[in-house]
C-alpha atoms as a PDB file:
ATOM      1  CA  MET A   1      20.049 -60.244 197.518  1.00  0.00           C
ATOM      2  CA  ASN A   2      20.706 -63.980 198.224  1.00  0.00           C
ATOM      3  CA  SER A   3      24.261 -64.298 196.956  1.00  0.00           C
ATOM      4  CA  GLU A   4      25.470 -61.510 199.482  1.00  0.00           C
ATOM      5  CA  LYS A   5      26.215 -61.836 203.159  1.00  0.00           C
ATOM      6  CA  ARG A   6      23.288 -62.202 205.506  1.00  0.00           C
ATOM      7  CA  ILE A   7      22.274 -58.946 207.060  1.00  0.00           C
ATOM      8  CA  ARG A   8      21.061 -58.553 210.604  1.00  0.00           C
ATOM      9  CA  VAL A   9      17.977 -56.380 210.833  1.00  0.00           C
ATOM     10  CA  PHE A  10      15.882 -55.577 213.890  1.00  0.00           C
ATOM     11  CA  LEU A  11      12.207 -55.033 213.237  1.00  0.00           C
ATOM     12  CA  VAL A  12      10.557 -52.987 215.904  1.00  0.00           C
ATOM     13  CA  ASP A  13       6.965 -52.510 215.986  1.00  0.00           C
ATOM     14  CA  ASP A  14       4.128 -52.954 218.702  1.00  0.00           C
ATOM     15  CA  ASP A  15       1.697 -54.331 216.072  1.00  0.00           C
ATOM     16  CA  ALA A  16       2.239 -57.971 216.708  1.00  0.00           C
ATOM     17  CA  LEU A  17       0.467 -59.025 213.487  1.00  0.00           C
ATOM     18  CA  TYR A  18       2.199 -56.607 211.143  1.00  0.00           C
ATOM     19  CA  LEU A  19       5.508 -57.380 212.988  1.00  0.00           C
ATOM     20  CA  LYS A  20       5.056 -61.034 212.090  1.00  0.00           C
ATOM     21  CA  SER A  21       4.102 -60.663 208.665  1.00  0.00           C
ATOM     22  CA  LEU A  22       7.193 -58.449 208.040  1.00  0.00           C
ATOM     23  CA  GLU A  23       9.254 -61.014 209.685  1.00  0.00           C
ATOM     24  CA  ILE A  24       7.875 -63.732 207.409  1.00  0.00           C
ATOM     25  CA  GLU A  25       8.602 -61.616 204.399  1.00  0.00           C
ATOM     26  CA  PHE A  26      12.023 -61.113 205.498  1.00  0.00           C
ATOM     27  CA  HIS A  27      12.637 -64.788 206.070  1.00  0.00           C
ATOM     28  CA  GLN A  28      11.351 -65.596 202.750  1.00  0.00           C
ATOM     29  CA  SER A  29      13.778 -63.520 201.049  1.00  0.00           C
ATOM     30  CA  GLY A  30      16.461 -65.682 202.560  1.00  0.00           C
ATOM     31  CA  SER A  31      19.220 -63.131 203.056  1.00  0.00           C
ATOM     32  CA  PHE A  32      18.412 -61.614 206.438  1.00  0.00           C
ATOM     33  CA  ASP A  33      18.923 -62.467 210.031  1.00  0.00           C
ATOM     34  CA  ILE A  34      15.914 -61.093 211.921  1.00  0.00           C
ATOM     35  CA  GLU A  35      15.578 -59.999 215.445  1.00  0.00           C
ATOM     36  CA  THR A  36      11.986 -58.550 216.451  1.00  0.00           C
ATOM     37  CA  TYR A  37      11.083 -56.393 219.237  1.00  0.00           C
ATOM     38  CA  PRO A  38       7.660 -55.000 220.373  1.00  0.00           C
ATOM     39  CA  THR A  39       9.103 -52.023 222.069  1.00  0.00           C
ATOM     40  CA  GLY A  40      11.992 -49.408 221.620  1.00  0.00           C
ATOM     41  CA  GLU A  41      13.172 -50.199 224.966  1.00  0.00           C
ATOM     42  CA  GLU A  42      13.757 -53.973 223.982  1.00  0.00           C
ATOM     43  CA  CYS A  43      15.457 -52.749 220.875  1.00  0.00           C
ATOM     44  CA  ILE A  44      17.665 -50.381 222.716  1.00  0.00           C
ATOM     45  CA  LYS A  45      18.704 -53.137 225.175  1.00  0.00           C
ATOM     46  CA  ASN A  46      19.653 -55.498 222.501  1.00  0.00           C
ATOM     47  CA  LEU A  47      21.755 -52.914 220.265  1.00  0.00           C
ATOM     48  CA  ASN A  48      24.850 -55.099 221.254  1.00  0.00           C
ATOM     49  CA  HIS A  49      23.554 -57.709 218.817  1.00  0.00           C
ATOM     50  CA  ASP A  50      24.999 -55.436 216.234  1.00  0.00           C
ATOM     51  CA  PRO A  51      22.242 -54.872 213.928  1.00  0.00           C
ATOM     52  CA  ALA A  52      23.116 -53.607 210.283  1.00  0.00           C
ATOM     53  CA  ILE A  53      19.868 -51.929 209.839  1.00  0.00           C
ATOM     54  CA  ILE A  54      16.817 -51.215 212.021  1.00  0.00           C
ATOM     55  CA  ILE A  55      13.210 -51.013 210.675  1.00  0.00           C
ATOM     56  CA  LEU A  56      11.520 -49.057 213.329  1.00  0.00           C
ATOM     57  CA  ASP A  57       7.588 -48.076 213.673  1.00  0.00           C
ATOM     58  CA  TYR A  58       6.936 -44.513 214.188  1.00  0.00           C
ATOM     59  CA  HIS A  59       4.131 -45.227 216.830  1.00  0.00           C
ATOM     60  CA  LEU A  60       5.379 -47.482 219.473  1.00  0.00           C
ATOM     61  CA  ASP A  61       3.145 -46.660 222.330  1.00  0.00           C
ATOM     62  CA  GLY A  62      -0.199 -48.376 220.992  1.00  0.00           C
ATOM     63  CA  ILE A  63      -0.222 -51.170 223.564  1.00  0.00           C
ATOM     64  CA  GLU A  64       1.865 -49.859 226.265  1.00  0.00           C
ATOM     65  CA  LYS A  65       1.267 -46.194 226.798  1.00  0.00           C
ATOM     66  CA  SER A  66       4.406 -45.416 228.594  1.00  0.00           C
ATOM     67  CA  ALA A  67       6.584 -46.968 225.999  1.00  0.00           C
ATOM     68  CA  MET A  68       9.019 -44.718 224.047  1.00  0.00           C
ATOM     69  CA  ASN A  69       7.682 -43.731 220.701  1.00  0.00           C
ATOM     70  CA  GLY A  70       9.406 -44.387 217.464  1.00  0.00           C
ATOM     71  CA  ILE A  71      11.036 -40.720 217.332  1.00  0.00           C
ATOM     72  CA  GLU A  72      12.197 -41.125 220.965  1.00  0.00           C
ATOM     73  CA  THR A  73      13.775 -44.585 220.134  1.00  0.00           C
ATOM     74  CA  LEU A  74      15.508 -43.185 216.870  1.00  0.00           C
ATOM     75  CA  ASP A  75      17.081 -40.268 218.913  1.00  0.00           C
ATOM     76  CA  LYS A  76      18.479 -42.914 221.480  1.00  0.00           C
ATOM     77  CA  ILE A  77      19.799 -45.013 218.861  1.00  0.00           C
ATOM     78  CA  LYS A  78      21.369 -42.155 217.018  1.00  0.00           C
ATOM     79  CA  ALA A  79      22.900 -40.878 220.195  1.00  0.00           C
ATOM     80  CA  SER A  80      24.868 -44.102 220.610  1.00  0.00           C
ATOM     81  CA  PHE A  81      25.155 -45.386 216.874  1.00  0.00           C
ATOM     82  CA  PRO A  82      24.959 -42.379 214.639  1.00  0.00           C
ATOM     83  CA  ASP A  83      25.914 -44.252 211.504  1.00  0.00           C
ATOM     84  CA  LEU A  84      23.337 -47.004 212.171  1.00  0.00           C
ATOM     85  CA  PRO A  85      20.760 -46.726 209.445  1.00  0.00           C
ATOM     86  CA  VAL A  86      17.161 -46.590 210.694  1.00  0.00           C
ATOM     87  CA  ILE A  87      14.251 -46.990 208.294  1.00  0.00           C
ATOM     88  CA  MET A  88      10.967 -45.495 209.983  1.00  0.00           C
ATOM     89  CA  LEU A  89       7.900 -47.201 209.229  1.00  0.00           C
ATOM     90  CA  SER A  90       4.287 -45.898 209.789  1.00  0.00           C
ATOM     91  CA  SER A  91       0.641 -46.379 208.693  1.00  0.00           C
ATOM     92  CA  GLN A  92       0.803 -42.501 208.434  1.00  0.00           C
ATOM     93  CA  ASP A  93       1.141 -41.099 204.900  1.00  0.00           C
ATOM     94  CA  LYS A  94       1.550 -37.420 206.095  1.00  0.00           C
ATOM     95  CA  ILE A  95       4.496 -35.535 204.773  1.00  0.00           C
ATOM     96  CA  GLU A  96       4.973 -33.772 208.104  1.00  0.00           C
ATOM     97  CA  VAL A  97       5.641 -37.085 209.711  1.00  0.00           C
ATOM     98  CA  ALA A  98       8.087 -38.102 206.995  1.00  0.00           C
ATOM     99  CA  ILE A  99       9.886 -34.842 207.522  1.00  0.00           C
ATOM    100  CA  ASP A 100      10.035 -35.193 211.158  1.00  0.00           C
ATOM    101  CA  CYS A 101      11.716 -38.673 210.951  1.00  0.00           C
ATOM    102  CA  MET A 102      14.185 -37.395 208.528  1.00  0.00           C
ATOM    103  CA  HIS A 103      14.996 -34.519 210.781  1.00  0.00           C
ATOM    104  CA  HIS A 104      15.734 -37.077 213.459  1.00  0.00           C
ATOM    105  CA  LYS A 105      18.251 -38.652 211.018  1.00  0.00           C
ATOM    106  CA  ALA A 106      16.058 -41.648 209.837  1.00  0.00           C
ATOM    107  CA  PHE A 107      17.716 -42.994 206.527  1.00  0.00           C
ATOM    108  CA  ASP A 108      14.196 -43.448 205.021  1.00  0.00           C
ATOM    109  CA  TYR A 109      10.522 -43.242 205.690  1.00  0.00           C
ATOM    110  CA  VAL A 110       8.134 -46.031 204.345  1.00  0.00           C
ATOM    111  CA  VAL A 111       4.378 -46.055 204.635  1.00  0.00           C
ATOM    112  CA  LYS A 112       2.954 -49.263 205.782  1.00  0.00           C
ATOM    113  CA  SER A 113       1.072 -50.700 202.623  1.00  0.00           C
ATOM    114  CA  GLU A 114       1.011 -53.675 200.592  1.00  0.00           C
ATOM    115  CA  THR A 115       4.256 -52.525 198.848  1.00  0.00           C
ATOM    116  CA  ALA A 116       6.108 -51.676 202.137  1.00  0.00           C
ATOM    117  CA  PHE A 117       8.340 -54.561 202.127  1.00  0.00           C
ATOM    118  CA  LEU A 118       9.502 -53.886 198.499  1.00  0.00           C
ATOM    119  CA  ARG A 119      10.324 -50.150 199.448  1.00  0.00           C
ATOM    120  CA  ILE A 120      12.104 -51.594 202.598  1.00  0.00           C
ATOM    121  CA  GLU A 121      14.128 -53.961 200.448  1.00  0.00           C
ATOM    122  CA  LYS A 122      15.032 -51.137 198.034  1.00  0.00           C
ATOM    123  CA  ALA A 123      16.133 -48.767 200.915  1.00  0.00           C
ATOM    124  CA  ILE A 124      18.442 -51.695 202.255  1.00  0.00           C
ATOM    125  CA  ARG A 125      19.877 -52.185 198.849  1.00  0.00           C
ATOM    126  CA  THR A 126      20.704 -48.495 198.818  1.00  0.00           C
ATOM    127  CA  ILE A 127      22.354 -48.626 202.216  1.00  0.00           C
ATOM    128  CA  GLN A 128      24.354 -51.635 201.058  1.00  0.00           C
ATOM    129  CA  ASP A 129      25.552 -49.722 197.923  1.00  0.00           C
ATOM    130  CA  MET A 130      26.484 -46.633 200.028  1.00  0.00           C
ATOM    131  CA  SER A 131      28.367 -48.760 202.412  1.00  0.00           C
ATOM    132  CA  LYS A 132      30.292 -50.443 199.735  1.00  0.00           C
ATOM    133  CA  LEU A 133      31.041 -47.048 198.064  1.00  0.00           C
ATOM    134  CA  GLN A 134      32.176 -45.531 201.312  1.00  0.00           C
ATOM    135  CA  MET A 135      34.515 -48.328 201.799  1.00  0.00           C
ATOM    136  CA  GLN A 136      35.959 -47.952 198.378  1.00  0.00           C
ATOM    137  CA  VAL A 137      36.417 -44.293 198.910  1.00  0.00           C
ATOM    138  CA  GLN A 138      38.231 -44.897 202.194  1.00  0.00           C
ATOM    139  CA  TRP A 139      40.359 -47.450 200.540  1.00  0.00           C
ATOM    140  CA  TYR A 140      41.472 -44.979 197.807  1.00  0.00           C
ATOM    141  CA  MET A 141      41.869 -42.345 200.632  1.00  0.00           C
ATOM    142  CA  ASP A 142      44.164 -44.396 202.644  1.00  0.00           C
ATOM    143  CA  ARG A 143      46.551 -44.878 199.683  1.00  0.00           C
ATOM    144  CA  MET A 144      46.907 -41.259 198.803  1.00  0.00           C
END
């Protein structure tokens, strides 16, 4: 991924240690511009920074009980930016949680684990591939 243009990614998680470790992994890969936020509210306030992808924790009310949770944040993002890909991240491995996220228009659901970063990277590559394909199709459609 290093040969391609840098991708602006928002990381949103109220677990400061996990957030920092994920940020470090992204920085080590060298192809991302990262912005981190501890709450959904902070993420929403900064959407004008034009992220290409958002990695969003499912539970965001662990520290601040009145904070929006991940699904509420996802819904607000999708209301304003329906095409912005959001990858949900959670320590829960329940299928019901993953299905709930997908019903709310998440692009993917990744369980926090030692392989989470690899799964996120794979989802980002898929998002990039889909975007390129959509641009190619649009190019051909414009010429018809």
